[in-house]
């Protein structure tokens, strides 16, 4: 599961009745399918794990 920094708002639908919203600036550990969709849509970039 990759870390992604969102560069634009994105809604991810893993199942027909489920929507997960990601806001610009969020850095999250997400599924590979979601990361690939975000990167392909130019709404996210791969990043390293954030430090505290």
PDB file of N, CA and C in Angstrom:
ATOM      1  N   UNK A   1       0.841  -1.175   0.000  1.00  0.00           N
ATOM      2  CA  UNK A   1       0.000   0.000   0.000  1.00  0.00           C
ATOM      3  C   UNK A   1       0.885   1.238   0.000  1.00  0.00           C
ATOM      4  N   UNK A   2       0.739   2.083  -0.990  1.00  0.00           N
ATOM      5  CA  UNK A   2       1.598   3.259  -1.128  1.00  0.00           C
ATOM      6  C   UNK A   2       1.068   4.499  -0.406  1.00  0.00           C
ATOM      7  N   UNK A   3       1.990   5.386  -0.084  1.00  0.00           N
ATOM      8  CA  UNK A   3       1.642   6.703   0.460  1.00  0.00           C
ATOM      9  C   UNK A   3       1.442   7.650  -0.713  1.00  0.00           C
ATOM     10  N   UNK A   4       0.387   8.462  -0.648  1.00  0.00           N
ATOM     11  CA  UNK A   4       0.077   9.409  -1.726  1.00  0.00           C
ATOM     12  C   UNK A   4      -0.258  10.763  -1.123  1.00  0.00           C
ATOM     13  N   UNK A   5       0.256  11.834  -1.760  1.00  0.00           N
ATOM     14  CA  UNK A   5      -0.112  13.211  -1.413  1.00  0.00           C
ATOM     15  C   UNK A   5      -1.088  13.686  -2.485  1.00  0.00           C
ATOM     16  N   UNK A   6      -2.277  14.090  -2.063  1.00  0.00           N
ATOM     17  CA  UNK A   6      -3.303  14.510  -3.008  1.00  0.00           C
ATOM     18  C   UNK A   6      -3.083  15.960  -3.411  1.00  0.00           C
ATOM     19  N   UNK A   7      -3.083  16.193  -4.719  1.00  0.00           N
ATOM     20  CA  UNK A   7      -2.866  17.528  -5.269  1.00  0.00           C
ATOM     21  C   UNK A   7      -4.180  18.154  -5.731  1.00  0.00           C
ATOM     22  N   UNK A   8      -5.262  17.400  -5.660  1.00  0.00           N
ATOM     23  CA  UNK A   8      -6.606  17.883  -5.993  1.00  0.00           C
ATOM     24  C   UNK A   8      -7.605  17.016  -5.233  1.00  0.00           C
ATOM     25  N   UNK A   9      -8.803  17.525  -5.031  1.00  0.00           N
ATOM     26  CA  UNK A   9      -9.841  16.734  -4.372  1.00  0.00           C
ATOM     27  C   UNK A   9     -10.185  15.524  -5.239  1.00  0.00           C
ATOM     28  N   UNK A  10     -10.434  14.397  -4.571  1.00  0.00           N
ATOM     29  CA  UNK A  10     -10.746  13.166  -5.301  1.00  0.00           C
ATOM     30  C   UNK A  10     -11.730  12.327  -4.507  1.00  0.00           C
ATOM     31  N   UNK A  11     -12.705  11.764  -5.194  1.00  0.00           N
ATOM     32  CA  UNK A  11     -13.620  10.792  -4.606  1.00  0.00           C
ATOM     33  C   UNK A  11     -13.258   9.418  -5.141  1.00  0.00           C
ATOM     34  N   UNK A  12     -13.095   8.457  -4.245  1.00  0.00           N
ATOM     35  CA  UNK A  12     -12.757   7.080  -4.614  1.00  0.00           C
ATOM     36  C   UNK A  12     -13.938   6.193  -4.266  1.00  0.00           C
ATOM     37  N   UNK A  13     -14.377   5.373  -5.212  1.00  0.00           N
ATOM     38  CA  UNK A  13     -15.500   4.472  -5.011  1.00  0.00           C
ATOM     39  C   UNK A  13     -14.994   3.027  -5.063  1.00  0.00           C
ATOM     40  N   UNK A  14     -14.611   2.459  -3.910  1.00  0.00           N
ATOM     41  CA  UNK A  14     -14.133   1.074  -3.902  1.00  0.00           C
ATOM     42  C   UNK A  14     -15.251   0.065  -4.151  1.00  0.00           C
ATOM     43  N   UNK A  15     -16.472   0.421  -3.808  1.00  0.00           N
ATOM     44  CA  UNK A  15     -17.666  -0.411  -4.035  1.00  0.00           C
ATOM     45  C   UNK A  15     -18.783   0.521  -4.489  1.00  0.00           C
ATOM     46  N   UNK A  16     -19.818  -0.004  -5.135  1.00  0.00           N
ATOM     47  CA  UNK A  16     -20.891   0.869  -5.640  1.00  0.00           C
ATOM     48  C   UNK A  16     -21.544   1.767  -4.582  1.00  0.00           C
ATOM     49  N   UNK A  17     -21.690   1.308  -3.361  1.00  0.00           N
ATOM     50  CA  UNK A  17     -22.396   2.097  -2.345  1.00  0.00           C
ATOM     51  C   UNK A  17     -21.451   2.827  -1.384  1.00  0.00           C
ATOM     52  N   UNK A  18     -20.162   2.871  -1.704  1.00  0.00           N
ATOM     53  CA  UNK A  18     -19.171   3.472  -0.802  1.00  0.00           C
ATOM     54  C   UNK A  18     -18.376   4.531  -1.552  1.00  0.00           C
ATOM     55  N   UNK A  19     -18.231   5.711  -0.953  1.00  0.00           N
ATOM     56  CA  UNK A  19     -17.390   6.767  -1.516  1.00  0.00           C
ATOM     57  C   UNK A  19     -16.487   7.307  -0.424  1.00  0.00           C
ATOM     58  N   UNK A  20     -15.191   7.387  -0.730  1.00  0.00           N
ATOM     59  CA  UNK A  20     -14.212   7.952   0.203  1.00  0.00           C
ATOM     60  C   UNK A  20     -13.692   9.240  -0.430  1.00  0.00           C
ATOM     61  N   UNK A  21     -13.764  10.330   0.309  1.00  0.00           N
ATOM     62  CA  UNK A  21     -13.318  11.619  -0.205  1.00  0.00           C
ATOM     63  C   UNK A  21     -11.936  11.971   0.313  1.00  0.00           C
ATOM     64  N   UNK A  22     -11.064  12.375  -0.585  1.00  0.00           N
ATOM     65  CA  UNK A  22      -9.730  12.838  -0.230  1.00  0.00           C
ATOM     66  C   UNK A  22      -9.619  14.298  -0.632  1.00  0.00           C
ATOM     67  N   UNK A  23      -9.111  15.130   0.265  1.00  0.00           N
ATOM     68  CA  UNK A  23      -8.990  16.565   0.022  1.00  0.00           C
ATOM     69  C   UNK A  23      -7.556  16.913  -0.368  1.00  0.00           C
ATOM     70  N   UNK A  24      -7.420  18.008  -1.092  1.00  0.00           N
ATOM     71  CA  UNK A  24      -6.099  18.467  -1.512  1.00  0.00           C
ATOM     72  C   UNK A  24      -5.211  18.672  -0.283  1.00  0.00           C
ATOM     73  N   UNK A  25      -3.966  18.205  -0.369  1.00  0.00           N
ATOM     74  CA  UNK A  25      -3.005  18.348   0.714  1.00  0.00           C
ATOM     75  C   UNK A  25      -2.926  17.154   1.653  1.00  0.00           C
ATOM     76  N   UNK A  26      -3.897  16.249   1.593  1.00  0.00           N
ATOM     77  CA  UNK A  26      -3.877  15.070   2.463  1.00  0.00           C
ATOM     78  C   UNK A  26      -2.749  14.134   2.040  1.00  0.00           C
ATOM     79  N   UNK A  27      -2.098  13.507   3.017  1.00  0.00           N
ATOM     80  CA  UNK A  27      -1.106  12.474   2.762  1.00  0.00           C
ATOM     81  C   UNK A  27      -1.621  11.225   3.451  1.00  0.00           C
ATOM     82  N   UNK A  28      -1.919  10.186   2.675  1.00  0.00           N
ATOM     83  CA  UNK A  28      -2.559   9.002   3.216  1.00  0.00           C
ATOM     84  C   UNK A  28      -1.932   7.725   2.670  1.00  0.00           C
ATOM     85  N   UNK A  29      -1.996   6.680   3.465  1.00  0.00           N
ATOM     86  CA  UNK A  29      -1.637   5.332   3.053  1.00  0.00           C
ATOM     87  C   UNK A  29      -2.910   4.720   2.479  1.00  0.00           C
ATOM     88  N   UNK A  30      -2.920   4.444   1.190  1.00  0.00           N
ATOM     89  CA  UNK A  30      -4.138   3.983   0.528  1.00  0.00           C
ATOM     90  C   UNK A  30      -3.866   2.707  -0.266  1.00  0.00           C
ATOM     91  N   UNK A  31      -4.932   2.097  -0.753  1.00  0.00           N
ATOM     92  CA  UNK A  31      -4.772   0.875  -1.535  1.00  0.00           C
ATOM     93  C   UNK A  31      -4.065   1.173  -2.849  1.00  0.00           C
ATOM     94  N   UNK A  32      -3.474   0.140  -3.414  1.00  0.00           N
ATOM     95  CA  UNK A  32      -2.743   0.299  -4.670  1.00  0.00           C
ATOM     96  C   UNK A  32      -3.691   0.753  -5.792  1.00  0.00           C
ATOM     97  N   UNK A  33      -4.904   0.199  -5.834  1.00  0.00           N
ATOM     98  CA  UNK A  33      -5.869   0.565  -6.883  1.00  0.00           C
ATOM     99  C   UNK A  33      -6.241   2.044  -6.779  1.00  0.00           C
ATOM    100  N   UNK A  34      -6.468   2.529  -5.567  1.00  0.00           N
ATOM    101  CA  UNK A  34      -6.802   3.936  -5.366  1.00  0.00           C
ATOM    102  C   UNK A  34      -5.620   4.823  -5.755  1.00  0.00           C
ATOM    103  N   UNK A  35      -4.419   4.431  -5.370  1.00  0.00           N
ATOM    104  CA  UNK A  35      -3.218   5.211  -5.701  1.00  0.00           C
ATOM    105  C   UNK A  35      -3.015   5.292  -7.209  1.00  0.00           C
ATOM    106  N   UNK A  36      -3.200   4.180  -7.895  1.00  0.00           N
ATOM    107  CA  UNK A  36      -3.037   4.179  -9.347  1.00  0.00           C
ATOM    108  C   UNK A  36      -4.068   5.091 -10.012  1.00  0.00           C
ATOM    109  N   UNK A  37      -5.300   5.077  -9.513  1.00  0.00           N
ATOM    110  CA  UNK A  37      -6.344   5.946 -10.069  1.00  0.00           C
ATOM    111  C   UNK A  37      -6.024   7.413  -9.815  1.00  0.00           C
ATOM    112  N   UNK A  38      -5.541   7.743  -8.625  1.00  0.00           N
ATOM    113  CA  UNK A  38      -5.206   9.131  -8.290  1.00  0.00           C
ATOM    114  C   UNK A  38      -4.054   9.644  -9.147  1.00  0.00           C
ATOM    115  N   UNK A  39      -3.039   8.822  -9.312  1.00  0.00           N
ATOM    116  CA  UNK A  39      -1.868   9.230 -10.094  1.00  0.00           C
ATOM    117  C   UNK A  39      -2.239   9.358 -11.568  1.00  0.00           C
ATOM    118  N   UNK A  40      -3.039   8.416 -12.082  1.00  0.00           N
ATOM    119  CA  UNK A  40      -3.452   8.466 -13.487  1.00  0.00           C
ATOM    120  C   UNK A  40      -4.312   9.695 -13.775  1.00  0.00           C
ATOM    121  N   UNK A  41      -5.104  10.122 -12.793  1.00  0.00           N
ATOM    122  CA  UNK A  41      -5.969  11.291 -12.975  1.00  0.00           C
ATOM    123  C   UNK A  41      -5.250  12.600 -12.628  1.00  0.00           C
ATOM    124  N   UNK A  42      -3.967  12.535 -12.324  1.00  0.00           N
ATOM    125  CA  UNK A  42      -3.163  13.700 -11.923  1.00  0.00           C
ATOM    126  C   UNK A  42      -3.740  14.383 -10.694  1.00  0.00           C
ATOM    127  N   UNK A  43      -4.280  13.608  -9.772  1.00  0.00           N
ATOM    128  CA  UNK A  43      -4.825  14.145  -8.534  1.00  0.00           C
ATOM    129  C   UNK A  43      -3.985  13.757  -7.317  1.00  0.00           C
ATOM    130  N   UNK A  44      -2.911  13.012  -7.545  1.00  0.00           N
ATOM    131  CA  UNK A  44      -2.045  12.611  -6.452  1.00  0.00           C
ATOM    132  C   UNK A  44      -0.649  12.292  -6.944  1.00  0.00           C
ATOM    133  N   UNK A  45       0.306  12.372  -6.028  1.00  0.00           N
ATOM    134  CA  UNK A  45       1.681  12.020  -6.342  1.00  0.00           C
ATOM    135  C   UNK A  45       2.198  11.058  -5.273  1.00  0.00           C
ATOM    136  N   UNK A  46       3.016  10.092  -5.676  1.00  0.00           N
ATOM    137  CA  UNK A  46       3.601   9.191  -4.679  1.00  0.00           C
ATOM    138  C   UNK A  46       4.509   9.973  -3.740  1.00  0.00           C
ATOM    139  N   UNK A  47       4.540   9.580  -2.486  1.00  0.00           N
ATOM    140  CA  UNK A  47       5.364  10.278  -1.503  1.00  0.00           C
ATOM    141  C   UNK A  47       5.876   9.278  -0.478  1.00  0.00           C
ATOM    142  N   UNK A  48       6.762   9.729   0.364  1.00  0.00           N
ATOM    143  CA  UNK A  48       7.296   8.908   1.443  1.00  0.00           C
ATOM    144  C   UNK A  48       6.396   9.001   2.660  1.00  0.00           C
ATOM    145  N   UNK A  49       6.570   8.076   3.576  1.00  0.00           N
ATOM    146  CA  UNK A  49       5.808   8.111   4.822  1.00  0.00           C
ATOM    147  C   UNK A  49       6.156   9.396   5.580  1.00  0.00           C
ATOM    148  N   UNK A  50       5.145  10.147   6.007  1.00  0.00           N
ATOM    149  CA  UNK A  50       5.436  11.387   6.744  1.00  0.00           C
ATOM    150  C   UNK A  50       6.023  11.104   8.123  1.00  0.00           C
ATOM    151  N   UNK A  51       6.844  12.013   8.592  1.00  0.00           N
ATOM    152  CA  UNK A  51       7.414  11.885   9.928  1.00  0.00           C
ATOM    153  C   UNK A  51       6.658  12.813  10.877  1.00  0.00           C
ATOM    154  N   UNK A  52       6.685  12.473  12.148  1.00  0.00           N
ATOM    155  CA  UNK A  52       5.948  13.292  13.136  1.00  0.00           C
ATOM    156  C   UNK A  52       6.716  14.521  13.504  1.00  0.00           C
TER     157      UNK A  52
END
